[in-house]
Amino acid sequence: EEPETPAPVLQLAAAEDDAHGAAGSSDAKAEDTGADAQNTAA
């Protein structure tokens, strides 16, 4: 049963080709990815 005060849990999906590319890309590409993600959040 779910505890009385459960911690937030993020479920992870299966790896994607783009995801692996982002993980192994250059620093510049990683910064671009973070910026795009922030725009999506806004």
ModelCIF file with pLDDT and N, C-alpha, C, O atoms, coordinates in Angstrom:
data_MODEL
#
_entry.id   MODEL 
#
_entity.id                         1 
_entity.type                       polymer 
_entity.pdbx_number_of_molecules   1 
#
_entity_poly.entity_id                      1 
_entity_poly.type                           'polypeptide(L)' 
_entity_poly.nstd_linkage                   no 
_entity_poly.nstd_monomer                   no 
_entity_poly.pdbx_seq_one_letter_code       EEPETPAPVLQLAAAEDDAHGAAGSSDAKAEDTGADAQNTAA 
_entity_poly.pdbx_seq_one_letter_code_can   EEPETPAPVLQLAAAEDDAHGAAGSSDAKAEDTGADAQNTAA 
_entity_poly.pdbx_strand_id                 A 
#
loop_
_entity_poly_seq.entity_id 
_entity_poly_seq.num 
_entity_poly_seq.mon_id 
_entity_poly_seq.hetero 
1 1  GLU n 
1 2  GLU n 
1 3  PRO n 
1 4  GLU n 
1 5  THR n 
1 6  PRO n 
1 7  ALA n 
1 8  PRO n 
1 9  VAL n 
1 10 LEU n 
1 11 GLN n 
1 12 LEU n 
1 13 ALA n 
1 14 ALA n 
1 15 ALA n 
1 16 GLU n 
1 17 ASP n 
1 18 ASP n 
1 19 ALA n 
1 20 HIS n 
1 21 GLY n 
1 22 ALA n 
1 23 ALA n 
1 24 GLY n 
1 25 SER n 
1 26 SER n 
1 27 ASP n 
1 28 ALA n 
1 29 LYS n 
1 30 ALA n 
1 31 GLU n 
1 32 ASP n 
1 33 THR n 
1 34 GLY n 
1 35 ALA n 
1 36 ASP n 
1 37 ALA n 
1 38 GLN n 
1 39 ASN n 
1 40 THR n 
1 41 ALA n 
1 42 ALA n 
#
_struct_asym.id          A 
_struct_asym.entity_id   1 
#
loop_
_ma_qa_metric.id 
_ma_qa_metric.mode 
_ma_qa_metric.name 
_ma_qa_metric.software_group_id 
_ma_qa_metric.type 
1 global pLDDT . pLDDT 
2 local  pLDDT . pLDDT 
#
_ma_qa_metric_global.metric_id      1 
_ma_qa_metric_global.metric_value   63.93 
_ma_qa_metric_global.model_id       1 
_ma_qa_metric_global.ordinal_id     1 
#
loop_
_ma_qa_metric_local.label_asym_id 
_ma_qa_metric_local.label_comp_id 
_ma_qa_metric_local.label_seq_id 
_ma_qa_metric_local.metric_id 
_ma_qa_metric_local.metric_value 
_ma_qa_metric_local.model_id 
_ma_qa_metric_local.ordinal_id 
A GLU 1  2 90.00 1 1  
A GLU 2  2 88.00 1 2  
A PRO 3  2 92.00 1 3  
A GLU 4  2 93.00 1 4  
A THR 5  2 95.00 1 5  
A PRO 6  2 96.00 1 6  
A ALA 7  2 97.00 1 7  
A PRO 8  2 97.00 1 8  
A VAL 9  2 97.00 1 9  
A LEU 10 2 98.00 1 10 
A GLN 11 2 97.00 1 11 
A LEU 12 2 97.00 1 12 
A ALA 13 2 96.00 1 13 
A ALA 14 2 95.00 1 14 
A ALA 15 2 91.00 1 15 
A GLU 16 2 81.00 1 16 
A ASP 17 2 69.00 1 17 
A ASP 18 2 52.00 1 18 
A ALA 19 2 43.00 1 19 
A HIS 20 2 44.00 1 20 
A GLY 21 2 40.00 1 21 
A ALA 22 2 41.00 1 22 
A ALA 23 2 40.00 1 23 
A GLY 24 2 39.00 1 24 
A SER 25 2 39.00 1 25 
A SER 26 2 37.00 1 26 
A ASP 27 2 40.00 1 27 
A ALA 28 2 40.00 1 28 
A LYS 29 2 42.00 1 29 
A ALA 30 2 42.00 1 30 
A GLU 31 2 46.00 1 31 
A ASP 32 2 49.00 1 32 
A THR 33 2 46.00 1 33 
A GLY 34 2 48.00 1 34 
A ALA 35 2 48.00 1 35 
A ASP 36 2 52.00 1 36 
A ALA 37 2 47.00 1 37 
A GLN 38 2 49.00 1 38 
A ASN 39 2 51.00 1 39 
A THR 40 2 48.00 1 40 
A ALA 41 2 46.00 1 41 
A ALA 42 2 47.00 1 42 
#
loop_
_atom_site.group_PDB 
_atom_site.id 
_atom_site.type_symbol 
_atom_site.label_atom_id 
_atom_site.label_alt_id 
_atom_site.label_comp_id 
_atom_site.label_asym_id 
_atom_site.label_entity_id 
_atom_site.label_seq_id 
_atom_site.pdbx_PDB_ins_code 
_atom_site.Cartn_x 
_atom_site.Cartn_y 
_atom_site.Cartn_z 
_atom_site.occupancy 
_atom_site.B_iso_or_equiv 
_atom_site.pdbx_formal_charge 
_atom_site.auth_seq_id 
_atom_site.auth_comp_id 
_atom_site.auth_asym_id 
_atom_site.auth_atom_id 
_atom_site.pdbx_PDB_model_num 
ATOM 1   N N  . GLU A 1 1  ? 0.826  -1.185 0.000   1.00 90.00 ? 1  GLU A N  1 
ATOM 2   C CA . GLU A 1 1  ? 0.000  0.000  0.000   1.00 90.00 ? 1  GLU A CA 1 
ATOM 3   C C  . GLU A 1 1  ? 0.875  1.256  0.000   1.00 90.00 ? 1  GLU A C  1 
ATOM 4   O O  . GLU A 1 1  ? 1.993  1.252  0.514   1.00 90.00 ? 1  GLU A O  1 
ATOM 5   N N  . GLU A 1 2  ? 0.346  2.317  -0.582  1.00 88.00 ? 2  GLU A N  1 
ATOM 6   C CA . GLU A 1 2  ? 1.093  3.568  -0.626  1.00 88.00 ? 2  GLU A CA 1 
ATOM 7   C C  . GLU A 1 2  ? 1.289  4.093  0.792   1.00 88.00 ? 2  GLU A C  1 
ATOM 8   O O  . GLU A 1 2  ? 0.330  4.130  1.563   1.00 88.00 ? 2  GLU A O  1 
ATOM 9   N N  . PRO A 1 3  ? 2.508  4.499  1.158   1.00 92.00 ? 3  PRO A N  1 
ATOM 10  C CA . PRO A 1 3  ? 2.738  5.023  2.506   1.00 92.00 ? 3  PRO A CA 1 
ATOM 11  C C  . PRO A 1 3  ? 1.990  6.331  2.737   1.00 92.00 ? 3  PRO A C  1 
ATOM 12  O O  . PRO A 1 3  ? 1.500  6.957  1.796   1.00 92.00 ? 3  PRO A O  1 
ATOM 13  N N  . GLU A 1 4  ? 1.912  6.723  3.977   1.00 93.00 ? 4  GLU A N  1 
ATOM 14  C CA . GLU A 1 4  ? 1.165  7.932  4.340   1.00 93.00 ? 4  GLU A CA 1 
ATOM 15  C C  . GLU A 1 4  ? 1.797  9.188  3.761   1.00 93.00 ? 4  GLU A C  1 
ATOM 16  O O  . GLU A 1 4  ? 1.091  10.101 3.333   1.00 93.00 ? 4  GLU A O  1 
ATOM 17  N N  . THR A 1 5  ? 3.120  9.237  3.746   1.00 95.00 ? 5  THR A N  1 
ATOM 18  C CA . THR A 1 5  ? 3.821  10.410 3.201   1.00 95.00 ? 5  THR A CA 1 
ATOM 19  C C  . THR A 1 5  ? 4.832  9.942  2.150   1.00 95.00 ? 5  THR A C  1 
ATOM 20  O O  . THR A 1 5  ? 6.035  9.940  2.408   1.00 95.00 ? 5  THR A O  1 
ATOM 21  N N  . PRO A 1 6  ? 4.347  9.545  0.965   1.00 96.00 ? 6  PRO A N  1 
ATOM 22  C CA . PRO A 1 6  ? 5.240  8.992  -0.065  1.00 96.00 ? 6  PRO A CA 1 
ATOM 23  C C  . PRO A 1 6  ? 6.159  10.037 -0.671  1.00 96.00 ? 6  PRO A C  1 
ATOM 24  O O  . PRO A 1 6  ? 5.777  11.196 -0.838  1.00 96.00 ? 6  PRO A O  1 
ATOM 25  N N  . ALA A 1 7  ? 7.364  9.621  -0.997  1.00 97.00 ? 7  ALA A N  1 
ATOM 26  C CA . ALA A 1 7  ? 8.314  10.497 -1.686  1.00 97.00 ? 7  ALA A CA 1 
ATOM 27  C C  . ALA A 1 7  ? 7.953  10.564 -3.163  1.00 97.00 ? 7  ALA A C  1 
ATOM 28  O O  . ALA A 1 7  ? 7.444  9.586  -3.711  1.00 97.00 ? 7  ALA A O  1 
ATOM 29  N N  . PRO A 1 8  ? 8.202  11.697 -3.821  1.00 97.00 ? 8  PRO A N  1 
ATOM 30  C CA . PRO A 1 8  ? 7.974  11.776 -5.263  1.00 97.00 ? 8  PRO A CA 1 
ATOM 31  C C  . PRO A 1 8  ? 8.883  10.794 -6.000  1.00 97.00 ? 8  PRO A C  1 
ATOM 32  O O  . PRO A 1 8  ? 10.080 10.727 -5.722  1.00 97.00 ? 8  PRO A O  1 
ATOM 33  N N  . VAL A 1 9  ? 8.317  10.030 -6.942  1.00 97.00 ? 9  VAL A N  1 
ATOM 34  C CA . VAL A 1 9  ? 9.075  9.034  -7.685  1.00 97.00 ? 9  VAL A CA 1 
ATOM 35  C C  . VAL A 1 9  ? 8.909  9.299  -9.180  1.00 97.00 ? 9  VAL A C  1 
ATOM 36  O O  . VAL A 1 9  ? 7.790  9.415  -9.678  1.00 97.00 ? 9  VAL A O  1 
ATOM 37  N N  . LEU A 1 10 ? 10.027 9.394  -9.885  1.00 98.00 ? 10 LEU A N  1 
ATOM 38  C CA . LEU A 1 10 ? 10.026 9.595  -11.336 1.00 98.00 ? 10 LEU A CA 1 
ATOM 39  C C  . LEU A 1 10 ? 10.290 8.268  -12.020 1.00 98.00 ? 10 LEU A C  1 
ATOM 40  O O  . LEU A 1 10 ? 11.354 7.674  -11.842 1.00 98.00 ? 10 LEU A O  1 
ATOM 41  N N  . GLN A 1 11 ? 9.331  7.802  -12.800 1.00 97.00 ? 11 GLN A N  1 
ATOM 42  C CA . GLN A 1 11 ? 9.490  6.557  -13.542 1.00 97.00 ? 11 GLN A CA 1 
ATOM 43  C C  . GLN A 1 11 ? 10.237 6.844  -14.844 1.00 97.00 ? 11 GLN A C  1 
ATOM 44  O O  . GLN A 1 11 ? 9.906  7.790  -15.559 1.00 97.00 ? 11 GLN A O  1 
ATOM 45  N N  . LEU A 1 12 ? 11.246 6.025  -15.148 1.00 97.00 ? 12 LEU A N  1 
ATOM 46  C CA . LEU A 1 12 ? 12.063 6.219  -16.349 1.00 97.00 ? 12 LEU A CA 1 
ATOM 47  C C  . LEU A 1 12 ? 11.617 5.290  -17.469 1.00 97.00 ? 12 LEU A C  1 
ATOM 48  O O  . LEU A 1 12 ? 11.344 4.111  -17.244 1.00 97.00 ? 12 LEU A O  1 
ATOM 49  N N  . ALA A 1 13 ? 11.549 5.840  -18.680 1.00 96.00 ? 13 ALA A N  1 
ATOM 50  C CA . ALA A 1 13 ? 11.158 5.065  -19.848 1.00 96.00 ? 13 ALA A CA 1 
ATOM 51  C C  . ALA A 1 13 ? 12.387 4.431  -20.486 1.00 96.00 ? 13 ALA A C  1 
ATOM 52  O O  . ALA A 1 13 ? 13.521 4.757  -20.134 1.00 96.00 ? 13 ALA A O  1 
ATOM 53  N N  . ALA A 1 14 ? 12.151 3.522  -21.427 1.00 95.00 ? 14 ALA A N  1 
ATOM 54  C CA . ALA A 1 14 ? 13.255 2.866  -22.121 1.00 95.00 ? 14 ALA A CA 1 
ATOM 55  C C  . ALA A 1 14 ? 14.098 3.889  -22.870 1.00 95.00 ? 14 ALA A C  1 
ATOM 56  O O  . ALA A 1 14 ? 13.591 4.914  -23.326 1.00 95.00 ? 14 ALA A O  1 
ATOM 57  N N  . ALA A 1 15 ? 15.382 3.601  -22.991 1.00 91.00 ? 15 ALA A N  1 
ATOM 58  C CA . ALA A 1 15 ? 16.311 4.525  -23.650 1.00 91.00 ? 15 ALA A CA 1 
ATOM 59  C C  . ALA A 1 15 ? 15.928 4.728  -25.105 1.00 91.00 ? 15 ALA A C  1 
ATOM 60  O O  . ALA A 1 15 ? 15.438 3.813  -25.767 1.00 91.00 ? 15 ALA A O  1 
ATOM 61  N N  . GLU A 1 16 ? 16.158 5.943  -25.592 1.00 81.00 ? 16 GLU A N  1 
ATOM 62  C CA . GLU A 1 16 ? 15.906 6.274  -26.987 1.00 81.00 ? 16 GLU A CA 1 
ATOM 63  C C  . GLU A 1 16 ? 17.235 6.587  -27.672 1.00 81.00 ? 16 GLU A C  1 
ATOM 64  O O  . GLU A 1 16 ? 18.222 6.899  -27.006 1.00 81.00 ? 16 GLU A O  1 
ATOM 65  N N  . ASP A 1 17 ? 17.257 6.503  -29.002 1.00 69.00 ? 17 ASP A N  1 
ATOM 66  C CA . ASP A 1 17 ? 18.478 6.807  -29.745 1.00 69.00 ? 17 ASP A CA 1 
ATOM 67  C C  . ASP A 1 17 ? 18.917 8.237  -29.516 1.00 69.00 ? 17 ASP A C  1 
ATOM 68  O O  . ASP A 1 17 ? 20.102 8.514  -29.332 1.00 69.00 ? 17 ASP A O  1 
ATOM 69  N N  . ASP A 1 18 ? 17.936 9.160  -29.530 1.00 52.00 ? 18 ASP A N  1 
ATOM 70  C CA . ASP A 1 18 ? 18.257 10.566 -29.310 1.00 52.00 ? 18 ASP A CA 1 
ATOM 71  C C  . ASP A 1 18 ? 18.785 10.797 -27.913 1.00 52.00 ? 18 ASP A C  1 
ATOM 72  O O  . ASP A 1 18 ? 19.660 11.634 -27.692 1.00 52.00 ? 18 ASP A O  1 
ATOM 73  N N  . ALA A 1 19 ? 18.230 10.027 -26.952 1.00 43.00 ? 19 ALA A N  1 
ATOM 74  C CA . ALA A 1 19 ? 18.672 10.199 -25.571 1.00 43.00 ? 19 ALA A CA 1 
ATOM 75  C C  . ALA A 1 19 ? 20.126 9.803  -25.412 1.00 43.00 ? 19 ALA A C  1 
ATOM 76  O O  . ALA A 1 19 ? 20.889 10.485 -24.728 1.00 43.00 ? 19 ALA A O  1 
ATOM 77  N N  . HIS A 1 20 ? 20.522 8.672  -26.059 1.00 44.00 ? 20 HIS A N  1 
ATOM 78  C CA . HIS A 1 20 ? 21.917 8.244  -25.977 1.00 44.00 ? 20 HIS A CA 1 
ATOM 79  C C  . HIS A 1 20 ? 22.822 9.266  -26.652 1.00 44.00 ? 20 HIS A C  1 
ATOM 80  O O  . HIS A 1 20 ? 23.928 9.538  -26.187 1.00 44.00 ? 20 HIS A O  1 
ATOM 81  N N  . GLY A 1 21 ? 22.338 9.824  -27.749 1.00 40.00 ? 21 GLY A N  1 
ATOM 82  C CA . GLY A 1 21 ? 23.143 10.832 -28.433 1.00 40.00 ? 21 GLY A CA 1 
ATOM 83  C C  . GLY A 1 21 ? 23.368 12.038 -27.573 1.00 40.00 ? 21 GLY A C  1 
ATOM 84  O O  . GLY A 1 21 ? 24.459 12.608 -27.562 1.00 40.00 ? 21 GLY A O  1 
ATOM 85  N N  . ALA A 1 22 ? 22.317 12.446 -26.829 1.00 41.00 ? 22 ALA A N  1 
ATOM 86  C CA . ALA A 1 22 ? 22.475 13.616 -25.966 1.00 41.00 ? 22 ALA A CA 1 
ATOM 87  C C  . ALA A 1 22 ? 23.445 13.329 -24.836 1.00 41.00 ? 22 ALA A C  1 
ATOM 88  O O  . ALA A 1 22 ? 24.213 14.199 -24.425 1.00 41.00 ? 22 ALA A O  1 
ATOM 89  N N  . ALA A 1 23 ? 23.403 12.078 -24.328 1.00 40.00 ? 23 ALA A N  1 
ATOM 90  C CA . ALA A 1 23 ? 24.272 11.741 -23.211 1.00 40.00 ? 23 ALA A CA 1 
ATOM 91  C C  . ALA A 1 23 ? 25.732 11.710 -23.635 1.00 40.00 ? 23 ALA A C  1 
ATOM 92  O O  . ALA A 1 23 ? 26.614 11.949 -22.810 1.00 40.00 ? 23 ALA A O  1 
ATOM 93  N N  . GLY A 1 24 ? 26.008 11.421 -24.910 1.00 39.00 ? 24 GLY A N  1 
ATOM 94  C CA . GLY A 1 24 ? 27.396 11.306 -25.334 1.00 39.00 ? 24 GLY A CA 1 
ATOM 95  C C  . GLY A 1 24 ? 27.854 12.446 -26.208 1.00 39.00 ? 24 GLY A C  1 
ATOM 96  O O  . GLY A 1 24 ? 28.905 12.350 -26.841 1.00 39.00 ? 24 GLY A O  1 
ATOM 97  N N  . SER A 1 25 ? 27.083 13.539 -26.264 1.00 39.00 ? 25 SER A N  1 
ATOM 98  C CA . SER A 1 25 ? 27.413 14.654 -27.140 1.00 39.00 ? 25 SER A CA 1 
ATOM 99  C C  . SER A 1 25 ? 28.392 15.599 -26.488 1.00 39.00 ? 25 SER A C  1 
ATOM 100 O O  . SER A 1 25 ? 28.847 15.366 -25.368 1.00 39.00 ? 25 SER A O  1 
ATOM 101 N N  . SER A 1 26 ? 28.717 16.679 -27.201 1.00 37.00 ? 26 SER A N  1 
ATOM 102 C CA . SER A 1 26 ? 29.654 17.674 -26.692 1.00 37.00 ? 26 SER A CA 1 
ATOM 103 C C  . SER A 1 26 ? 28.991 18.543 -25.649 1.00 37.00 ? 26 SER A C  1 
ATOM 104 O O  . SER A 1 26 ? 27.776 18.486 -25.458 1.00 37.00 ? 26 SER A O  1 
ATOM 105 N N  . ASP A 1 27 ? 29.815 19.372 -24.954 1.00 40.00 ? 27 ASP A N  1 
ATOM 106 C CA . ASP A 1 27 ? 29.275 20.257 -23.925 1.00 40.00 ? 27 ASP A CA 1 
ATOM 107 C C  . ASP A 1 27 ? 28.323 21.272 -24.529 1.00 40.00 ? 27 ASP A C  1 
ATOM 108 O O  . ASP A 1 27 ? 27.316 21.615 -23.909 1.00 40.00 ? 27 ASP A O  1 
ATOM 109 N N  . ALA A 1 28 ? 28.619 21.757 -25.720 1.00 40.00 ? 28 ALA A N  1 
ATOM 110 C CA . ALA A 1 28 ? 27.766 22.763 -26.343 1.00 40.00 ? 28 ALA A CA 1 
ATOM 111 C C  . ALA A 1 28 ? 26.396 22.182 -26.629 1.00 40.00 ? 28 ALA A C  1 
ATOM 112 O O  . ALA A 1 28 ? 25.378 22.835 -26.397 1.00 40.00 ? 28 ALA A O  1 
ATOM 113 N N  . LYS A 1 29 ? 26.367 20.953 -27.134 1.00 42.00 ? 29 LYS A N  1 
ATOM 114 C CA . LYS A 1 29 ? 25.087 20.328 -27.435 1.00 42.00 ? 29 LYS A CA 1 
ATOM 115 C C  . LYS A 1 29 ? 24.295 20.089 -26.162 1.00 42.00 ? 29 LYS A C  1 
ATOM 116 O O  . LYS A 1 29 ? 23.072 20.232 -26.165 1.00 42.00 ? 29 LYS A O  1 
ATOM 117 N N  . ALA A 1 30 ? 24.958 19.730 -25.082 1.00 42.00 ? 30 ALA A N  1 
ATOM 118 C CA . ALA A 1 30 ? 24.274 19.509 -23.812 1.00 42.00 ? 30 ALA A CA 1 
ATOM 119 C C  . ALA A 1 30 ? 23.648 20.795 -23.306 1.00 42.00 ? 30 ALA A C  1 
ATOM 120 O O  . ALA A 1 30 ? 22.537 20.783 -22.776 1.00 42.00 ? 30 ALA A O  1 
ATOM 121 N N  . GLU A 1 31 ? 24.370 21.925 -23.472 1.00 46.00 ? 31 GLU A N  1 
ATOM 122 C CA . GLU A 1 31 ? 23.805 23.189 -23.024 1.00 46.00 ? 31 GLU A CA 1 
ATOM 123 C C  . GLU A 1 31 ? 22.589 23.556 -23.853 1.00 46.00 ? 31 GLU A C  1 
ATOM 124 O O  . GLU A 1 31 ? 21.606 24.066 -23.315 1.00 46.00 ? 31 GLU A O  1 
ATOM 125 N N  . ASP A 1 32 ? 22.640 23.301 -25.172 1.00 49.00 ? 32 ASP A N  1 
ATOM 126 C CA . ASP A 1 32 ? 21.494 23.576 -26.024 1.00 49.00 ? 32 ASP A CA 1 
ATOM 127 C C  . ASP A 1 32 ? 20.294 22.741 -25.602 1.00 49.00 ? 32 ASP A C  1 
ATOM 128 O O  . ASP A 1 32 ? 19.163 23.227 -25.586 1.00 49.00 ? 32 ASP A O  1 
ATOM 129 N N  . THR A 1 33 ? 20.550 21.469 -25.256 1.00 46.00 ? 33 THR A N  1 
ATOM 130 C CA . THR A 1 33 ? 19.472 20.591 -24.822 1.00 46.00 ? 33 THR A CA 1 
ATOM 131 C C  . THR A 1 33 ? 18.821 21.125 -23.563 1.00 46.00 ? 33 THR A C  1 
ATOM 132 O O  . THR A 1 33 ? 17.595 21.132 -23.451 1.00 46.00 ? 33 THR A O  1 
ATOM 133 N N  . GLY A 1 34 ? 19.634 21.577 -22.606 1.00 48.00 ? 34 GLY A N  1 
ATOM 134 C CA . GLY A 1 34 ? 19.095 22.129 -21.367 1.00 48.00 ? 34 GLY A CA 1 
ATOM 135 C C  . GLY A 1 34 ? 18.281 23.381 -21.614 1.00 48.00 ? 34 GLY A C  1 
ATOM 136 O O  . GLY A 1 34 ? 17.243 23.581 -20.984 1.00 48.00 ? 34 GLY A O  1 
ATOM 137 N N  . ALA A 1 35 ? 18.748 24.244 -22.543 1.00 48.00 ? 35 ALA A N  1 
ATOM 138 C CA . ALA A 1 35 ? 18.017 25.472 -22.852 1.00 48.00 ? 35 ALA A CA 1 
ATOM 139 C C  . ALA A 1 35 ? 16.679 25.153 -23.494 1.00 48.00 ? 35 ALA A C  1 
ATOM 140 O O  . ALA A 1 35 ? 15.664 25.757 -23.149 1.00 48.00 ? 35 ALA A O  1 
ATOM 141 N N  . ASP A 1 36 ? 16.669 24.188 -24.446 1.00 52.00 ? 36 ASP A N  1 
ATOM 142 C CA . ASP A 1 36 ? 15.412 23.800 -25.079 1.00 52.00 ? 36 ASP A CA 1 
ATOM 143 C C  . ASP A 1 36 ? 14.445 23.240 -24.056 1.00 52.00 ? 36 ASP A C  1 
ATOM 144 O O  . ASP A 1 36 ? 13.245 23.505 -24.120 1.00 52.00 ? 36 ASP A O  1 
ATOM 145 N N  . ALA A 1 37 ? 14.965 22.461 -23.109 1.00 47.00 ? 37 ALA A N  1 
ATOM 146 C CA . ALA A 1 37 ? 14.106 21.871 -22.088 1.00 47.00 ? 37 ALA A CA 1 
ATOM 147 C C  . ALA A 1 37 ? 13.480 22.944 -21.212 1.00 47.00 ? 37 ALA A C  1 
ATOM 148 O O  . ALA A 1 37 ? 12.317 22.834 -20.823 1.00 47.00 ? 37 ALA A O  1 
ATOM 149 N N  . GLN A 1 38 ? 14.260 23.997 -20.896 1.00 49.00 ? 38 GLN A N  1 
ATOM 150 C CA . GLN A 1 38 ? 13.722 25.062 -20.078 1.00 49.00 ? 38 GLN A CA 1 
ATOM 151 C C  . GLN A 1 38 ? 12.628 25.821 -20.820 1.00 49.00 ? 38 GLN A C  1 
ATOM 152 O O  . GLN A 1 38 ? 11.626 26.202 -20.214 1.00 49.00 ? 38 GLN A O  1 
ATOM 153 N N  . ASN A 1 39 ? 12.804 26.049 -22.133 1.00 51.00 ? 39 ASN A N  1 
ATOM 154 C CA . ASN A 1 39 ? 11.767 26.712 -22.917 1.00 51.00 ? 39 ASN A CA 1 
ATOM 155 C C  . ASN A 1 39 ? 10.498 25.874 -22.931 1.00 51.00 ? 39 ASN A C  1 
ATOM 156 O O  . ASN A 1 39 ? 9.394  26.410 -22.836 1.00 51.00 ? 39 ASN A O  1 
ATOM 157 N N  . THR A 1 40 ? 10.653 24.555 -23.048 1.00 48.00 ? 40 THR A N  1 
ATOM 158 C CA . THR A 1 40 ? 9.500  23.664 -23.009 1.00 48.00 ? 40 THR A CA 1 
ATOM 159 C C  . THR A 1 40 ? 8.785  23.783 -21.672 1.00 48.00 ? 40 THR A C  1 
ATOM 160 O O  . THR A 1 40 ? 7.555  23.777 -21.620 1.00 48.00 ? 40 THR A O  1 
ATOM 161 N N  . ALA A 1 41 ? 9.552  23.891 -20.587 1.00 46.00 ? 41 ALA A N  1 
ATOM 162 C CA . ALA A 1 41 ? 8.958  24.008 -19.260 1.00 46.00 ? 41 ALA A CA 1 
ATOM 163 C C  . ALA A 1 41 ? 8.154  25.290 -19.140 1.00 46.00 ? 41 ALA A C  1 
ATOM 164 O O  . ALA A 1 41 ? 7.075  25.294 -18.546 1.00 46.00 ? 41 ALA A O  1 
ATOM 165 N N  . ALA A 1 42 ? 8.671  26.380 -19.701 1.00 47.00 ? 42 ALA A N  1 
ATOM 166 C CA . ALA A 1 42 ? 7.974  27.661 -19.617 1.00 47.00 ? 42 ALA A CA 1 
ATOM 167 C C  . ALA A 1 42 ? 6.641  27.601 -20.344 1.00 47.00 ? 42 ALA A C  1 
ATOM 168 O O  . ALA A 1 42 ? 5.912  28.593 -20.380 1.00 47.00 ? 42 ALA A O  1 
#
